[in-house]
Amino acid sequence: MKKNSIPNPDVSVFIKLLDRGFKLSVPADQEKFYRDGYEVFMQRVQQHKLKGKVYGDIEAIALTSIECLVALQRNQEQMDDLVATFKHRVEKLDETIASAIEN
């Protein structure tokens, strides 16, 4: 099977953290994820900053980054568990089918 030879064009996404801006070039089909992710990230940063006004910009960004990494790790673990469960079910189905064919 031949892969799609049409390249996926890149689009620019602007991200601003503190007093710096970053113009990222991302695949067009992922632009929504970058824009939505940035928006949610900045909302979480703002929530940290408003928590009793204890955290400054750097601390709020760091805490939000750690939260994101933990969420990714948790989702990866859940996905691994689901894949293992699925594989186990497929093996059981194979056994059941093989047993039915033999009889």
C-alpha atoms as a PDB file:
ATOM      1  CA  MET A   1       0.000   0.000   0.000  1.00  0.00           C
ATOM      2  CA  LYS A   2       1.387   3.377  -1.006  1.00  0.00           C
ATOM      3  CA  LYS A   3       1.511   6.185   1.556  1.00  0.00           C
ATOM      4  CA  ASN A   4      -0.114   9.485   0.783  1.00  0.00           C
ATOM      5  CA  SER A   5       2.571  11.462  -1.038  1.00  0.00           C
ATOM      6  CA  ILE A   6       0.891  14.836  -0.528  1.00  0.00           C
ATOM      7  CA  PRO A   7       2.823  16.666   2.199  1.00  0.00           C
ATOM      8  CA  ASN A   8       0.888  18.058   5.128  1.00  0.00           C
ATOM      9  CA  PRO A   9       1.337  21.853   5.020  1.00  0.00           C
ATOM     10  CA  ASP A  10       2.501  23.713   8.091  1.00  0.00           C
ATOM     11  CA  VAL A  11       0.725  26.657   9.668  1.00  0.00           C
ATOM     12  CA  SER A  12       1.946  29.224  12.173  1.00  0.00           C
ATOM     13  CA  VAL A  13       0.721  29.242  15.755  1.00  0.00           C
ATOM     14  CA  PHE A  14       1.714  32.071  18.074  1.00  0.00           C
ATOM     15  CA  ILE A  15       2.261  31.256  21.752  1.00  0.00           C
ATOM     16  CA  LYS A  16       3.032  33.883  24.367  1.00  0.00           C
ATOM     17  CA  LEU A  17       4.568  33.034  27.748  1.00  0.00           C
ATOM     18  CA  LEU A  18       5.533  35.823  30.101  1.00  0.00           C
ATOM     19  CA  ASP A  19       7.015  38.576  27.959  1.00  0.00           C
ATOM     20  CA  ARG A  20       8.140  36.296  25.132  1.00  0.00           C
ATOM     21  CA  GLY A  21       6.300  35.133  22.075  1.00  0.00           C
ATOM     22  CA  PHE A  22       6.982  32.054  20.005  1.00  0.00           C
ATOM     23  CA  LYS A  23       5.864  31.530  16.452  1.00  0.00           C
ATOM     24  CA  LEU A  24       5.613  27.782  15.949  1.00  0.00           C
ATOM     25  CA  SER A  25       5.336  26.032  12.625  1.00  0.00           C
ATOM     26  CA  VAL A  26       3.012  23.068  13.141  1.00  0.00           C
ATOM     27  CA  PRO A  27       1.295  20.582  10.805  1.00  0.00           C
ATOM     28  CA  ALA A  28      -2.007  22.043   9.639  1.00  0.00           C
ATOM     29  CA  ASP A  29      -3.991  19.052  10.875  1.00  0.00           C
ATOM     30  CA  GLN A  30      -2.636  19.632  14.413  1.00  0.00           C
ATOM     31  CA  GLU A  31      -3.191  23.391  14.569  1.00  0.00           C
ATOM     32  CA  LYS A  32      -6.410  22.997  16.585  1.00  0.00           C
ATOM     33  CA  PHE A  33      -4.601  20.943  19.234  1.00  0.00           C
ATOM     34  CA  TYR A  34      -1.907  23.600  19.649  1.00  0.00           C
ATOM     35  CA  ARG A  35      -4.400  26.451  19.870  1.00  0.00           C
ATOM     36  CA  ASP A  36      -6.751  24.610  22.239  1.00  0.00           C
ATOM     37  CA  GLY A  37      -3.852  23.297  24.319  1.00  0.00           C
ATOM     38  CA  TYR A  38      -2.362  26.757  24.669  1.00  0.00           C
ATOM     39  CA  GLU A  39      -5.712  28.210  25.717  1.00  0.00           C
ATOM     40  CA  VAL A  40      -6.312  25.529  28.371  1.00  0.00           C
ATOM     41  CA  PHE A  41      -2.701  25.789  29.568  1.00  0.00           C
ATOM     42  CA  MET A  42      -2.977  29.545  30.055  1.00  0.00           C
ATOM     43  CA  GLN A  43      -6.289  29.136  31.903  1.00  0.00           C
ATOM     44  CA  ARG A  44      -4.611  26.694  34.322  1.00  0.00           C
ATOM     45  CA  VAL A  45      -1.669  29.075  34.768  1.00  0.00           C
ATOM     46  CA  GLN A  46      -4.126  31.852  35.639  1.00  0.00           C
ATOM     47  CA  GLN A  47      -5.898  29.576  38.141  1.00  0.00           C
ATOM     48  CA  HIS A  48      -2.585  28.881  39.874  1.00  0.00           C
ATOM     49  CA  LYS A  49      -1.747  32.573  39.972  1.00  0.00           C
ATOM     50  CA  LEU A  50      -5.106  33.379  41.568  1.00  0.00           C
ATOM     51  CA  LYS A  51      -4.735  30.737  44.302  1.00  0.00           C
ATOM     52  CA  GLY A  52      -4.211  33.078  47.192  1.00  0.00           C
ATOM     53  CA  LYS A  53      -1.781  35.098  45.071  1.00  0.00           C
ATOM     54  CA  VAL A  54       0.954  32.746  46.271  1.00  0.00           C
ATOM     55  CA  TYR A  55       2.410  31.816  42.901  1.00  0.00           C
ATOM     56  CA  GLY A  56       4.093  34.141  40.451  1.00  0.00           C
ATOM     57  CA  ASP A  57       4.256  33.645  36.691  1.00  0.00           C
ATOM     58  CA  ILE A  58       7.185  31.224  36.700  1.00  0.00           C
ATOM     59  CA  GLU A  59       5.774  29.081  39.508  1.00  0.00           C
ATOM     60  CA  ALA A  60       2.325  28.953  37.901  1.00  0.00           C
ATOM     61  CA  ILE A  61       3.802  27.933  34.532  1.00  0.00           C
ATOM     62  CA  ALA A  62       5.978  25.290  36.204  1.00  0.00           C
ATOM     63  CA  LEU A  63       3.049  23.838  38.173  1.00  0.00           C
ATOM     64  CA  THR A  64       0.853  23.758  35.089  1.00  0.00           C
ATOM     65  CA  SER A  65       3.620  22.050  33.100  1.00  0.00           C
ATOM     66  CA  ILE A  66       3.992  19.390  35.776  1.00  0.00           C
ATOM     67  CA  GLU A  67       0.219  18.872  35.839  1.00  0.00           C
ATOM     68  CA  CYS A  68       0.275  18.376  32.063  1.00  0.00           C
ATOM     69  CA  LEU A  69       3.068  15.812  32.290  1.00  0.00           C
ATOM     70  CA  VAL A  70       1.282  13.925  35.066  1.00  0.00           C
ATOM     71  CA  ALA A  71      -1.932  13.890  33.027  1.00  0.00           C
ATOM     72  CA  LEU A  72      -0.041  12.513  30.016  1.00  0.00           C
ATOM     73  CA  GLN A  73       1.578   9.821  32.158  1.00  0.00           C
ATOM     74  CA  ARG A  74      -1.775   8.877  33.683  1.00  0.00           C
ATOM     75  CA  ASN A  75      -3.387   8.698  30.229  1.00  0.00           C
ATOM     76  CA  GLN A  76      -0.482   6.595  28.925  1.00  0.00           C
ATOM     77  CA  GLU A  77      -0.921   4.170  31.817  1.00  0.00           C
ATOM     78  CA  GLN A  78      -4.667   3.930  31.183  1.00  0.00           C
ATOM     79  CA  MET A  79      -4.054   3.348  27.485  1.00  0.00           C
ATOM     80  CA  ASP A  80      -1.499   0.628  28.243  1.00  0.00           C
ATOM     81  CA  ASP A  81      -4.029  -1.061  30.554  1.00  0.00           C
ATOM     82  CA  LEU A  82      -6.723  -0.872  27.866  1.00  0.00           C
ATOM     83  CA  VAL A  83      -4.382  -2.335  25.230  1.00  0.00           C
ATOM     84  CA  ALA A  84      -3.433  -5.187  27.589  1.00  0.00           C
ATOM     85  CA  THR A  85      -7.113  -5.872  28.303  1.00  0.00           C
ATOM     86  CA  PHE A  86      -7.913  -5.815  24.598  1.00  0.00           C
ATOM     87  CA  LYS A  87      -5.051  -8.223  23.812  1.00  0.00           C
ATOM     88  CA  HIS A  88      -6.250 -10.570  26.547  1.00  0.00           C
ATOM     89  CA  ARG A  89      -9.794 -10.521  25.143  1.00  0.00           C
ATOM     90  CA  VAL A  90      -8.533 -11.205  21.630  1.00  0.00           C
ATOM     91  CA  GLU A  91      -6.495 -14.170  22.925  1.00  0.00           C
ATOM     92  CA  LYS A  92      -9.586 -15.529  24.718  1.00  0.00           C
ATOM     93  CA  LEU A  93     -11.644 -15.078  21.561  1.00  0.00           C
ATOM     94  CA  ASP A  94      -8.984 -16.888  19.523  1.00  0.00           C
ATOM     95  CA  GLU A  95      -9.039 -19.756  22.031  1.00  0.00           C
ATOM     96  CA  THR A  96     -12.829 -19.932  21.919  1.00  0.00           C
ATOM     97  CA  ILE A  97     -12.895 -19.946  18.120  1.00  0.00           C
ATOM     98  CA  ALA A  98     -10.116 -22.536  17.883  1.00  0.00           C
ATOM     99  CA  SER A  99     -11.951 -24.740  20.387  1.00  0.00           C
ATOM    100  CA  ALA A 100     -15.227 -24.404  18.445  1.00  0.00           C
ATOM    101  CA  ILE A 101     -13.500 -25.294  15.168  1.00  0.00           C
ATOM    102  CA  GLU A 102     -11.897 -28.410  16.687  1.00  0.00           C
ATOM    103  CA  ASN A 103     -15.232 -29.715  17.970  1.00  0.00           C
END
